[in-house]
Amino acid sequence: MTSSPNLDQMTPEQLRALAAQALQLQSQVEAMSKKIQNDQTVIEQLTYEIALLKRQKFAKRSEQISPAQSSLLDDLLDTDVEAMRPS
């Protein structure tokens, strides 16, 4: 970090140059702040999109049982229902 210049020993031209440099730095900071804010918005949008895509890929739809497994389940249920009926 650089040390602060002694403003009392500076000429008016040096003070003007220092003020211009300060304004330039301030505008750079503002531009970087806007870019960071825009980048954060994009990151949030992409994170949301990824969550949606994961939900679509790994949702209940992908966990459904096959028709053969469904048939076996139906047979087991029928057997259990028959066993519960009074004779």
N, C-alpha and C. Protein backbone atom coordinates (compact mmCIF):
# COMPACT_ATOMS: atom_id res chain seq x y z
N MET A 1 0.85 -1.17 0.00
CA MET A 1 0.00 0.00 0.00
C MET A 1 0.89 1.23 0.00
N THR A 2 0.51 2.21 -0.80
CA THR A 2 1.32 3.42 -0.88
C THR A 2 0.90 4.38 0.22
N SER A 3 1.84 5.23 0.62
CA SER A 3 1.53 6.20 1.66
C SER A 3 0.77 7.38 1.06
N SER A 4 -0.02 8.05 1.88
CA SER A 4 -0.80 9.19 1.42
C SER A 4 0.13 10.38 1.18
N PRO A 5 -0.09 11.09 0.08
CA PRO A 5 0.74 12.28 -0.18
C PRO A 5 0.35 13.40 0.78
N ASN A 6 1.30 14.24 1.07
CA ASN A 6 1.04 15.40 1.93
C ASN A 6 0.37 16.46 1.05
N LEU A 7 -0.92 16.66 1.26
CA LEU A 7 -1.68 17.57 0.42
C LEU A 7 -1.25 19.02 0.57
N ASP A 8 -0.71 19.38 1.73
CA ASP A 8 -0.28 20.76 1.96
C ASP A 8 0.92 21.13 1.09
N GLN A 9 1.70 20.15 0.68
CA GLN A 9 2.91 20.42 -0.10
C GLN A 9 2.68 20.25 -1.60
N MET A 10 1.47 19.95 -2.01
CA MET A 10 1.20 19.73 -3.44
C MET A 10 0.78 21.04 -4.10
N THR A 11 1.13 21.14 -5.37
CA THR A 11 0.73 22.31 -6.17
C THR A 11 -0.73 22.13 -6.59
N PRO A 12 -1.38 23.20 -7.03
CA PRO A 12 -2.77 23.07 -7.49
C PRO A 12 -2.92 22.06 -8.64
N GLU A 13 -1.92 22.03 -9.54
CA GLU A 13 -1.99 21.08 -10.66
C GLU A 13 -1.92 19.63 -10.14
N GLN A 14 -1.06 19.40 -9.15
CA GLN A 14 -0.94 18.06 -8.58
C GLN A 14 -2.24 17.66 -7.86
N LEU A 15 -2.85 18.64 -7.18
CA LEU A 15 -4.12 18.36 -6.51
C LEU A 15 -5.22 18.01 -7.51
N ARG A 16 -5.24 18.75 -8.63
CA ARG A 16 -6.23 18.46 -9.67
C ARG A 16 -6.00 17.06 -10.26
N ALA A 17 -4.74 16.73 -10.50
CA ALA A 17 -4.41 15.41 -11.04
C ALA A 17 -4.81 14.31 -10.05
N LEU A 18 -4.57 14.55 -8.77
CA LEU A 18 -4.94 13.59 -7.73
C LEU A 18 -6.46 13.43 -7.66
N ALA A 19 -7.19 14.55 -7.76
CA ALA A 19 -8.66 14.49 -7.75
C ALA A 19 -9.18 13.74 -8.98
N ALA A 20 -8.57 13.99 -10.14
CA ALA A 20 -8.98 13.29 -11.36
C ALA A 20 -8.72 11.79 -11.23
N GLN A 21 -7.58 11.44 -10.64
CA GLN A 21 -7.25 10.03 -10.43
C GLN A 21 -8.25 9.39 -9.47
N ALA A 22 -8.63 10.13 -8.42
CA ALA A 22 -9.60 9.61 -7.45
C ALA A 22 -10.95 9.38 -8.12
N LEU A 23 -11.38 10.31 -8.99
CA LEU A 23 -12.64 10.14 -9.71
C LEU A 23 -12.60 8.94 -10.65
N GLN A 24 -11.45 8.77 -11.30
CA GLN A 24 -11.29 7.63 -12.21
C GLN A 24 -11.35 6.31 -11.43
N LEU A 25 -10.69 6.27 -10.29
CA LEU A 25 -10.72 5.07 -9.46
C LEU A 25 -12.13 4.79 -8.95
N GLN A 26 -12.84 5.85 -8.58
CA GLN A 26 -14.22 5.68 -8.11
C GLN A 26 -15.10 5.11 -9.21
N SER A 27 -14.94 5.59 -10.44
CA SER A 27 -15.76 5.07 -11.54
C SER A 27 -15.39 3.61 -11.84
N GLN A 28 -14.11 3.26 -11.69
CA GLN A 28 -13.70 1.86 -11.89
C GLN A 28 -14.32 0.95 -10.82
N VAL A 29 -14.34 1.44 -9.59
CA VAL A 29 -14.94 0.67 -8.49
C VAL A 29 -16.44 0.46 -8.76
N GLU A 30 -17.13 1.52 -9.20
CA GLU A 30 -18.55 1.41 -9.50
C GLU A 30 -18.80 0.42 -10.65
N ALA A 31 -17.96 0.47 -11.68
CA ALA A 31 -18.11 -0.45 -12.81
C ALA A 31 -17.87 -1.89 -12.36
N MET A 32 -16.86 -2.10 -11.54
CA MET A 32 -16.58 -3.45 -11.03
C MET A 32 -17.71 -3.94 -10.14
N SER A 33 -18.27 -3.04 -9.35
CA SER A 33 -19.39 -3.40 -8.47
C SER A 33 -20.60 -3.84 -9.30
N LYS A 34 -20.89 -3.12 -10.38
CA LYS A 34 -22.00 -3.50 -11.27
C LYS A 34 -21.72 -4.85 -11.93
N LYS A 35 -20.48 -5.08 -12.34
CA LYS A 35 -20.13 -6.36 -12.97
C LYS A 35 -20.29 -7.50 -11.97
N ILE A 36 -19.85 -7.29 -10.75
CA ILE A 36 -20.00 -8.32 -9.71
C ILE A 36 -21.48 -8.62 -9.48
N GLN A 37 -22.29 -7.58 -9.41
CA GLN A 37 -23.72 -7.76 -9.20
C GLN A 37 -24.34 -8.54 -10.36
N ASN A 38 -23.96 -8.19 -11.59
CA ASN A 38 -24.47 -8.92 -12.76
C ASN A 38 -24.00 -10.37 -12.74
N ASP A 39 -22.74 -10.60 -12.39
CA ASP A 39 -22.21 -11.96 -12.32
C ASP A 39 -22.95 -12.78 -11.26
N GLN A 40 -23.26 -12.15 -10.13
CA GLN A 40 -24.00 -12.86 -9.07
C GLN A 40 -25.40 -13.23 -9.55
N THR A 41 -26.02 -12.35 -10.31
CA THR A 41 -27.34 -12.64 -10.86
C THR A 41 -27.27 -13.82 -11.82
N VAL A 42 -26.26 -13.84 -12.68
CA VAL A 42 -26.09 -14.95 -13.62
C VAL A 42 -25.84 -16.25 -12.86
N ILE A 43 -25.01 -16.20 -11.83
CA ILE A 43 -24.73 -17.38 -11.02
C ILE A 43 -26.01 -17.91 -10.38
N GLU A 44 -26.83 -17.01 -9.83
CA GLU A 44 -28.10 -17.42 -9.22
C GLU A 44 -29.02 -18.06 -10.25
N GLN A 45 -29.08 -17.47 -11.45
CA GLN A 45 -29.94 -18.03 -12.51
C GLN A 45 -29.44 -19.41 -12.93
N LEU A 46 -28.13 -19.56 -13.08
CA LEU A 46 -27.58 -20.85 -13.48
C LEU A 46 -27.76 -21.90 -12.39
N THR A 47 -27.62 -21.50 -11.14
CA THR A 47 -27.84 -22.42 -10.03
C THR A 47 -29.28 -22.91 -10.02
N TYR A 48 -30.21 -21.99 -10.25
CA TYR A 48 -31.63 -22.36 -10.31
C TYR A 48 -31.89 -23.32 -11.48
N GLU A 49 -31.29 -23.02 -12.63
CA GLU A 49 -31.46 -23.87 -13.81
C GLU A 49 -30.90 -25.27 -13.57
N ILE A 50 -29.75 -25.34 -12.93
CA ILE A 50 -29.14 -26.64 -12.62
C ILE A 50 -30.06 -27.43 -11.68
N ALA A 51 -30.62 -26.74 -10.69
CA ALA A 51 -31.54 -27.42 -9.76
C ALA A 51 -32.75 -27.97 -10.51
N LEU A 52 -33.29 -27.19 -11.44
CA LEU A 52 -34.43 -27.67 -12.22
C LEU A 52 -34.05 -28.88 -13.07
N LEU A 53 -32.90 -28.81 -13.72
CA LEU A 53 -32.46 -29.92 -14.56
C LEU A 53 -32.21 -31.18 -13.73
N LYS A 54 -31.63 -31.01 -12.54
CA LYS A 54 -31.41 -32.17 -11.67
C LYS A 54 -32.75 -32.76 -11.25
N ARG A 55 -33.71 -31.89 -10.94
CA ARG A 55 -35.03 -32.36 -10.53
C ARG A 55 -35.67 -33.15 -11.67
N GLN A 56 -35.51 -32.67 -12.91
CA GLN A 56 -36.09 -33.37 -14.05
C GLN A 56 -35.40 -34.72 -14.27
N LYS A 57 -34.09 -34.74 -14.11
CA LYS A 57 -33.33 -35.96 -14.38
C LYS A 57 -33.53 -37.00 -13.28
N PHE A 58 -33.57 -36.57 -12.02
CA PHE A 58 -33.61 -37.51 -10.91
C PHE A 58 -34.97 -37.54 -10.20
N ALA A 59 -35.99 -37.04 -10.86
CA ALA A 59 -37.31 -36.98 -10.23
C ALA A 59 -37.92 -38.37 -10.13
N LYS A 60 -39.12 -38.43 -9.56
CA LYS A 60 -39.82 -39.69 -9.37
C LYS A 60 -39.99 -40.44 -10.69
N ARG A 61 -40.11 -39.71 -11.76
CA ARG A 61 -40.29 -40.32 -13.08
C ARG A 61 -39.16 -41.29 -13.38
N SER A 62 -37.94 -40.95 -13.01
CA SER A 62 -36.80 -41.82 -13.30
C SER A 62 -36.72 -42.98 -12.32
N GLU A 63 -37.51 -42.92 -11.23
CA GLU A 63 -37.49 -43.97 -10.22
C GLU A 63 -38.66 -44.93 -10.38
N GLN A 64 -39.42 -44.79 -11.43
CA GLN A 64 -40.57 -45.65 -11.62
C GLN A 64 -40.13 -47.09 -11.87
N ILE A 65 -40.99 -48.00 -11.44
CA ILE A 65 -40.64 -49.41 -11.62
C ILE A 65 -41.02 -49.86 -13.03
N SER A 66 -40.35 -50.88 -13.48
CA SER A 66 -40.60 -51.39 -14.83
C SER A 66 -41.92 -52.15 -14.84
N PRO A 67 -42.47 -52.39 -16.03
CA PRO A 67 -43.72 -53.16 -16.11
C PRO A 67 -43.59 -54.56 -15.50
N ALA A 68 -42.44 -55.19 -15.66
CA ALA A 68 -42.24 -56.52 -15.09
C ALA A 68 -42.26 -56.47 -13.56
N GLN A 69 -41.61 -55.45 -13.01
CA GLN A 69 -41.63 -55.29 -11.55
C GLN A 69 -43.04 -54.97 -11.07
N SER A 70 -43.77 -54.19 -11.83
CA SER A 70 -45.14 -53.85 -11.48
C SER A 70 -46.01 -55.10 -11.47
N SER A 71 -45.82 -55.97 -12.44
CA SER A 71 -46.57 -57.22 -12.51
C SER A 71 -46.29 -58.09 -11.29
N LEU A 72 -45.02 -58.19 -10.89
CA LEU A 72 -44.66 -58.97 -9.70
C LEU A 72 -45.31 -58.36 -8.46
N LEU A 73 -45.31 -57.03 -8.36
CA LEU A 73 -45.92 -56.35 -7.22
C LEU A 73 -47.42 -56.63 -7.18
N ASP A 74 -48.06 -56.57 -8.34
CA ASP A 74 -49.50 -56.86 -8.41
C ASP A 74 -49.79 -58.28 -7.95
N ASP A 75 -48.97 -59.23 -8.38
CA ASP A 75 -49.15 -60.64 -7.97
C ASP A 75 -49.01 -60.77 -6.46
N LEU A 76 -47.99 -60.11 -5.89
CA LEU A 76 -47.79 -60.18 -4.44
C LEU A 76 -48.97 -59.56 -3.69
N LEU A 77 -49.47 -58.44 -4.19
CA LEU A 77 -50.61 -57.79 -3.56
C LEU A 77 -51.85 -58.68 -3.62
N ASP A 78 -52.07 -59.30 -4.79
CA ASP A 78 -53.22 -60.21 -4.93
C ASP A 78 -53.11 -61.37 -3.95
N THR A 79 -51.92 -61.92 -3.79
CA THR A 79 -51.70 -63.02 -2.86
C THR A 79 -51.98 -62.58 -1.43
N ASP A 80 -51.50 -61.38 -1.07
CA ASP A 80 -51.73 -60.86 0.29
C ASP A 80 -53.21 -60.60 0.54
N VAL A 81 -53.92 -60.07 -0.45
CA VAL A 81 -55.35 -59.79 -0.30
C VAL A 81 -56.11 -61.11 -0.13
N GLU A 82 -55.76 -62.11 -0.91
CA GLU A 82 -56.40 -63.43 -0.81
C GLU A 82 -56.16 -64.03 0.58
N ALA A 83 -54.97 -63.86 1.12
CA ALA A 83 -54.64 -64.42 2.42
C ALA A 83 -55.40 -63.71 3.54
N MET A 84 -55.79 -62.48 3.34
CA MET A 84 -56.50 -61.73 4.37
C MET A 84 -57.99 -62.01 4.34
N ARG A 85 -58.52 -62.54 3.25
CA ARG A 85 -59.95 -62.82 3.15
C ARG A 85 -60.31 -64.03 4.02
N PRO A 86 -61.44 -63.90 4.69
CA PRO A 86 -61.84 -65.05 5.50
C PRO A 86 -62.29 -66.22 4.63
N SER A 87 -61.98 -67.41 5.07
CA SER A 87 -62.35 -68.58 4.26
C SER A 87 -63.72 -69.08 4.59
